């Protein structure tokens, strides 16, 4: 029963440009049970600058990018989500494993990330 309750508790979220970074991160954690990191640029590796928590997603988008809504679904893979943000907003995101110490594998579905240890 606990497995089904956990699976059914995952909710899709719609991300819009007027959403603040901290609100997005909080909603992502509540919906998928793990952290997402948001960066000001496409670079997400060592030394990458995290986005200001109070900024809107639209304000950190790459120049020339029109911010449309992105719907994040539990059936999406980590790689698909990261690519959507890159293509649609020109920003980098990284989805973490629940311990917050390692990145989730790009092939994992969001519904499975919260169960990984």
N, C-alpha and C. Protein backbone atom coordinates (compact mmCIF):
# COMPACT_ATOMS: atom_id res chain seq x y z
N UNK A 1 0.82 -1.20 0.00
CA UNK A 1 0.00 0.00 0.00
C UNK A 1 0.86 1.26 0.00
N UNK A 2 1.97 1.23 0.75
CA UNK A 2 2.85 2.39 0.82
C UNK A 2 3.43 2.76 -0.53
N UNK A 3 3.75 1.75 -1.34
CA UNK A 3 4.29 2.00 -2.68
C UNK A 3 3.29 2.77 -3.52
N UNK A 4 2.02 2.31 -3.52
CA UNK A 4 1.01 2.96 -4.34
C UNK A 4 0.69 4.35 -3.82
N UNK A 5 0.69 4.52 -2.52
CA UNK A 5 0.44 5.85 -1.95
C UNK A 5 1.55 6.81 -2.38
N UNK A 6 2.80 6.35 -2.33
CA UNK A 6 3.92 7.18 -2.76
C UNK A 6 3.85 7.52 -4.23
N UNK A 7 3.50 6.54 -5.05
CA UNK A 7 3.41 6.75 -6.49
C UNK A 7 2.28 7.70 -6.84
N UNK A 8 1.14 7.52 -6.18
CA UNK A 8 -0.01 8.36 -6.47
C UNK A 8 0.17 9.77 -5.92
N UNK A 9 1.07 9.96 -4.95
CA UNK A 9 1.31 11.27 -4.38
C UNK A 9 2.09 12.20 -5.30
N UNK A 10 2.74 11.64 -6.31
CA UNK A 10 3.52 12.46 -7.24
C UNK A 10 2.57 13.22 -8.15
N UNK A 11 2.77 14.52 -8.25
CA UNK A 11 1.88 15.36 -9.05
C UNK A 11 2.67 16.10 -10.12
N UNK A 12 2.09 16.15 -11.31
CA UNK A 12 2.68 16.95 -12.38
C UNK A 12 2.65 18.42 -11.95
N UNK A 13 3.65 19.19 -12.41
CA UNK A 13 3.62 20.62 -12.13
C UNK A 13 3.85 21.39 -13.42
N UNK A 14 3.22 22.55 -13.50
CA UNK A 14 3.40 23.43 -14.64
C UNK A 14 4.32 24.57 -14.22
N UNK A 15 5.36 24.77 -15.01
CA UNK A 15 6.36 25.79 -14.72
C UNK A 15 6.20 26.92 -15.72
N UNK A 16 6.06 28.13 -15.20
CA UNK A 16 5.91 29.31 -16.06
C UNK A 16 7.01 30.30 -15.76
N UNK A 17 7.26 31.19 -16.68
CA UNK A 17 8.33 32.17 -16.54
C UNK A 17 8.19 33.10 -15.36
N UNK A 18 6.96 33.38 -14.93
CA UNK A 18 6.78 34.31 -13.82
C UNK A 18 6.96 33.64 -12.45
N UNK A 19 7.25 32.34 -12.45
CA UNK A 19 7.48 31.62 -11.20
C UNK A 19 8.87 31.94 -10.67
N UNK A 20 8.96 32.21 -9.37
CA UNK A 20 10.27 32.48 -8.77
C UNK A 20 11.03 31.17 -8.60
N UNK A 21 12.34 31.27 -8.65
CA UNK A 21 13.21 30.10 -8.53
C UNK A 21 12.92 29.33 -7.25
N UNK A 22 12.82 30.03 -6.11
CA UNK A 22 12.58 29.33 -4.86
C UNK A 22 11.23 28.64 -4.83
N UNK A 23 10.21 29.24 -5.43
CA UNK A 23 8.89 28.62 -5.51
C UNK A 23 8.94 27.37 -6.37
N UNK A 24 9.62 27.47 -7.49
CA UNK A 24 9.77 26.32 -8.38
C UNK A 24 10.47 25.17 -7.67
N UNK A 25 11.56 25.47 -7.00
CA UNK A 25 12.32 24.43 -6.30
C UNK A 25 11.47 23.77 -5.21
N UNK A 26 10.70 24.58 -4.50
CA UNK A 26 9.84 24.05 -3.44
C UNK A 26 8.75 23.14 -4.03
N UNK A 27 8.12 23.59 -5.10
CA UNK A 27 7.06 22.79 -5.75
C UNK A 27 7.64 21.49 -6.30
N UNK A 28 8.83 21.56 -6.87
CA UNK A 28 9.47 20.36 -7.41
C UNK A 28 9.72 19.35 -6.29
N UNK A 29 10.25 19.82 -5.18
CA UNK A 29 10.53 18.94 -4.04
C UNK A 29 9.23 18.31 -3.51
N UNK A 30 8.19 19.12 -3.38
CA UNK A 30 6.90 18.62 -2.89
C UNK A 30 6.29 17.60 -3.86
N UNK A 31 6.43 17.85 -5.15
CA UNK A 31 5.80 17.00 -6.16
C UNK A 31 6.57 15.73 -6.44
N UNK A 32 7.90 15.80 -6.43
CA UNK A 32 8.70 14.66 -6.86
C UNK A 32 9.64 14.10 -5.79
N UNK A 33 9.66 14.72 -4.61
CA UNK A 33 10.41 14.17 -3.50
C UNK A 33 11.91 14.29 -3.61
N UNK A 34 12.40 15.20 -4.43
CA UNK A 34 13.83 15.40 -4.56
C UNK A 34 14.12 16.84 -4.98
N UNK A 35 15.36 17.23 -4.86
CA UNK A 35 15.79 18.61 -5.13
C UNK A 35 16.10 18.81 -6.61
N UNK A 36 15.82 20.01 -7.09
CA UNK A 36 16.27 20.43 -8.41
C UNK A 36 17.10 21.69 -8.21
N UNK A 37 18.23 21.75 -8.87
CA UNK A 37 19.09 22.92 -8.80
C UNK A 37 18.93 23.71 -10.09
N UNK A 38 18.87 25.03 -9.96
CA UNK A 38 18.65 25.92 -11.10
C UNK A 38 19.85 26.85 -11.22
N UNK A 39 20.36 26.97 -12.44
CA UNK A 39 21.55 27.79 -12.70
C UNK A 39 21.22 28.93 -13.65
N UNK A 40 22.01 30.00 -13.56
CA UNK A 40 21.79 31.18 -14.40
C UNK A 40 22.16 30.93 -15.85
N UNK A 41 22.97 29.94 -16.10
CA UNK A 41 23.42 29.66 -17.46
C UNK A 41 23.21 28.18 -17.76
N UNK A 42 23.58 27.78 -18.95
CA UNK A 42 23.49 26.37 -19.32
C UNK A 42 24.54 25.53 -18.60
N UNK A 43 25.60 26.17 -18.15
CA UNK A 43 26.66 25.46 -17.46
C UNK A 43 26.17 25.03 -16.08
N UNK A 44 26.28 23.72 -15.80
CA UNK A 44 25.81 23.22 -14.51
C UNK A 44 26.90 22.45 -13.76
N UNK A 45 28.09 22.45 -14.28
CA UNK A 45 29.18 21.70 -13.66
C UNK A 45 29.83 22.48 -12.52
N UNK A 46 31.00 22.03 -12.16
CA UNK A 46 31.75 22.63 -11.07
C UNK A 46 31.97 24.12 -11.34
N UNK A 47 31.69 24.94 -10.35
CA UNK A 47 31.86 26.37 -10.48
C UNK A 47 30.67 27.10 -11.09
N UNK A 48 29.62 26.36 -11.46
CA UNK A 48 28.43 27.00 -12.03
C UNK A 48 27.75 27.87 -10.98
N UNK A 49 27.20 28.98 -11.43
CA UNK A 49 26.55 29.92 -10.52
C UNK A 49 25.05 29.59 -10.40
N UNK A 50 24.61 29.29 -9.18
CA UNK A 50 23.18 29.04 -8.99
C UNK A 50 22.38 30.31 -9.24
N UNK A 51 21.16 30.14 -9.68
CA UNK A 51 20.27 31.28 -9.90
C UNK A 51 19.84 31.86 -8.57
N UNK A 52 19.64 33.16 -8.54
CA UNK A 52 19.14 33.84 -7.34
C UNK A 52 17.74 33.30 -7.03
N UNK A 53 17.53 32.91 -5.79
CA UNK A 53 16.27 32.30 -5.36
C UNK A 53 15.06 33.21 -5.58
N UNK A 54 15.26 34.52 -5.52
CA UNK A 54 14.14 35.46 -5.64
C UNK A 54 13.88 35.89 -7.08
N UNK A 55 14.73 35.46 -8.01
CA UNK A 55 14.53 35.80 -9.42
C UNK A 55 13.41 34.96 -10.01
N UNK A 56 12.77 35.51 -11.03
CA UNK A 56 11.81 34.70 -11.77
C UNK A 56 12.58 33.90 -12.81
N UNK A 57 11.98 32.81 -13.25
CA UNK A 57 12.64 32.00 -14.29
C UNK A 57 12.82 32.82 -15.57
N UNK A 58 11.84 33.67 -15.90
CA UNK A 58 11.95 34.49 -17.10
C UNK A 58 13.13 35.45 -17.02
N UNK A 59 13.42 35.96 -15.83
CA UNK A 59 14.50 36.95 -15.70
C UNK A 59 15.89 36.32 -15.85
N UNK A 60 16.01 35.01 -15.68
CA UNK A 60 17.32 34.37 -15.83
C UNK A 60 17.46 33.64 -17.16
N UNK A 61 16.41 33.67 -17.97
CA UNK A 61 16.46 32.99 -19.28
C UNK A 61 17.50 33.63 -20.18
N UNK A 62 18.00 32.81 -21.10
CA UNK A 62 18.95 33.31 -22.08
C UNK A 62 18.26 34.32 -22.99
N UNK A 63 19.03 35.30 -23.47
CA UNK A 63 18.48 36.30 -24.37
C UNK A 63 17.95 35.61 -25.62
N UNK A 64 16.80 36.10 -26.08
CA UNK A 64 16.20 35.56 -27.29
C UNK A 64 15.28 34.37 -27.05
N UNK A 65 15.21 33.90 -25.83
CA UNK A 65 14.33 32.77 -25.52
C UNK A 65 12.99 33.30 -25.06
N UNK A 66 11.93 32.80 -25.66
CA UNK A 66 10.58 33.15 -25.21
C UNK A 66 10.15 32.08 -24.23
N UNK A 67 9.78 32.51 -23.07
CA UNK A 67 9.47 31.57 -22.00
C UNK A 67 8.04 31.07 -22.15
N UNK A 68 7.92 29.79 -22.42
CA UNK A 68 6.61 29.16 -22.46
C UNK A 68 6.47 28.27 -21.24
N UNK A 69 5.29 27.76 -21.04
CA UNK A 69 5.06 26.86 -19.90
C UNK A 69 5.67 25.49 -20.20
N UNK A 70 6.22 24.90 -19.16
CA UNK A 70 6.76 23.55 -19.24
C UNK A 70 6.01 22.72 -18.21
N UNK A 71 5.46 21.59 -18.64
CA UNK A 71 4.79 20.69 -17.71
C UNK A 71 5.73 19.54 -17.39
N UNK A 72 6.02 19.38 -16.12
CA UNK A 72 6.89 18.32 -15.66
C UNK A 72 6.01 17.17 -15.17
N UNK A 73 6.21 16.00 -15.77
CA UNK A 73 5.39 14.84 -15.44
C UNK A 73 6.25 13.76 -14.81
N UNK A 74 5.63 12.96 -13.96
CA UNK A 74 6.36 11.88 -13.30
C UNK A 74 6.88 10.85 -14.29
N UNK A 75 6.32 10.82 -15.49
CA UNK A 75 6.77 9.87 -16.51
C UNK A 75 7.96 10.40 -17.32
N UNK A 76 8.31 11.69 -17.17
CA UNK A 76 9.48 12.25 -17.86
C UNK A 76 10.76 11.70 -17.27
N UNK A 77 11.79 11.60 -18.11
CA UNK A 77 13.10 11.22 -17.58
C UNK A 77 13.82 12.49 -17.13
N UNK A 78 14.81 12.28 -16.30
CA UNK A 78 15.64 13.39 -15.83
C UNK A 78 16.24 14.13 -17.03
N UNK A 79 16.76 13.39 -17.99
CA UNK A 79 17.37 13.99 -19.17
C UNK A 79 16.39 14.82 -19.98
N UNK A 80 15.15 14.34 -20.10
CA UNK A 80 14.12 15.09 -20.85
C UNK A 80 13.84 16.44 -20.17
N UNK A 81 13.74 16.43 -18.86
CA UNK A 81 13.47 17.67 -18.12
C UNK A 81 14.62 18.65 -18.29
N UNK A 82 15.83 18.16 -18.10
CA UNK A 82 17.00 19.03 -18.22
C UNK A 82 17.10 19.61 -19.63
N UNK A 83 16.78 18.81 -20.64
CA UNK A 83 16.83 19.27 -22.03
C UNK A 83 15.74 20.30 -22.31
N UNK A 84 14.55 20.11 -21.74
CA UNK A 84 13.46 21.08 -21.94
C UNK A 84 13.86 22.46 -21.43
N UNK A 85 14.46 22.52 -20.25
CA UNK A 85 14.88 23.81 -19.70
C UNK A 85 15.97 24.43 -20.57
N UNK A 86 16.86 23.62 -21.07
CA UNK A 86 17.93 24.11 -21.94
C UNK A 86 17.34 24.68 -23.23
N UNK A 87 16.44 23.93 -23.86
CA UNK A 87 15.88 24.34 -25.14
C UNK A 87 14.89 25.49 -25.03
N UNK A 88 14.03 25.44 -24.04
CA UNK A 88 12.95 26.43 -23.95
C UNK A 88 13.35 27.71 -23.22
N UNK A 89 14.25 27.60 -22.24
CA UNK A 89 14.59 28.77 -21.44
C UNK A 89 16.07 29.15 -21.52
N UNK A 90 16.88 28.25 -22.01
CA UNK A 90 18.30 28.55 -22.09
C UNK A 90 18.98 28.58 -20.73
N UNK A 91 18.45 27.81 -19.79
CA UNK A 91 19.05 27.74 -18.45
C UNK A 91 19.34 26.27 -18.12
N UNK A 92 20.25 26.07 -17.20
CA UNK A 92 20.61 24.73 -16.78
C UNK A 92 19.92 24.35 -15.50
N UNK A 93 19.49 23.11 -15.43
CA UNK A 93 18.95 22.55 -14.19
C UNK A 93 19.58 21.18 -13.99
N UNK A 94 19.68 20.78 -12.75
CA UNK A 94 20.17 19.46 -12.40
C UNK A 94 19.24 18.87 -11.35
N UNK A 95 18.78 17.66 -11.60
CA UNK A 95 17.92 16.96 -10.66
C UNK A 95 18.80 16.07 -9.80
N UNK A 96 18.64 16.18 -8.51
CA UNK A 96 19.48 15.48 -7.57
C UNK A 96 18.81 14.20 -7.08
N UNK A 97 19.62 13.28 -6.56
CA UNK A 97 19.07 12.14 -5.84
C UNK A 97 18.57 12.65 -4.50
N UNK A 98 17.68 11.91 -3.83
CA UNK A 98 17.10 12.41 -2.58
C UNK A 98 18.11 12.79 -1.49
N UNK A 99 19.29 12.20 -1.50
CA UNK A 99 20.29 12.56 -0.48
C UNK A 99 20.93 13.91 -0.76
N UNK A 100 20.72 14.47 -1.97
CA UNK A 100 21.25 15.77 -2.33
C UNK A 100 22.74 15.80 -2.61
N UNK A 101 23.38 14.63 -2.62
CA UNK A 101 24.83 14.57 -2.82
C UNK A 101 25.24 14.18 -4.23
N UNK A 102 24.33 13.57 -4.97
CA UNK A 102 24.67 13.11 -6.31
C UNK A 102 23.55 13.46 -7.28
N UNK A 103 23.92 13.58 -8.55
CA UNK A 103 22.95 13.87 -9.60
C UNK A 103 22.18 12.60 -9.96
N UNK A 104 20.91 12.76 -10.27
CA UNK A 104 20.11 11.64 -10.75
C UNK A 104 20.55 11.28 -12.16
N UNK A 105 20.52 10.02 -12.49
CA UNK A 105 20.88 9.54 -13.82
C UNK A 105 19.87 10.06 -14.84
N UNK A 106 20.36 10.51 -15.98
CA UNK A 106 19.48 11.08 -17.01
C UNK A 106 18.43 10.11 -17.53
N UNK A 107 18.65 8.81 -17.41
CA UNK A 107 17.70 7.82 -17.91
C UNK A 107 16.58 7.52 -16.92
N UNK A 108 16.72 7.98 -15.68
CA UNK A 108 15.70 7.70 -14.66
C UNK A 108 14.44 8.51 -14.90
N UNK A 109 13.30 7.91 -14.64
CA UNK A 109 12.03 8.64 -14.68
C UNK A 109 11.87 9.38 -13.36
N UNK A 110 11.19 10.53 -13.40
CA UNK A 110 11.00 11.31 -12.17
C UNK A 110 10.31 10.49 -11.10
N UNK A 111 9.39 9.62 -11.49
CA UNK A 111 8.67 8.82 -10.49
C UNK A 111 9.59 7.85 -9.76
N UNK A 112 10.77 7.58 -10.31
CA UNK A 112 11.69 6.64 -9.68
C UNK A 112 12.81 7.33 -8.89
N UNK A 113 13.04 8.62 -9.14
CA UNK A 113 14.15 9.32 -8.50
C UNK A 113 13.99 9.36 -6.99
N UNK A 114 12.79 9.63 -6.51
CA UNK A 114 12.60 9.75 -5.05
C UNK A 114 12.84 8.44 -4.31
N UNK A 115 12.84 7.31 -5.03
CA UNK A 115 13.07 6.01 -4.40
C UNK A 115 14.55 5.64 -4.39
N UNK A 116 15.36 6.33 -5.17
CA UNK A 116 16.79 6.00 -5.26
C UNK A 116 17.51 6.47 -4.00
N UNK A 117 18.53 5.74 -3.65
CA UNK A 117 19.29 6.12 -2.45
C UNK A 117 20.75 6.29 -2.78
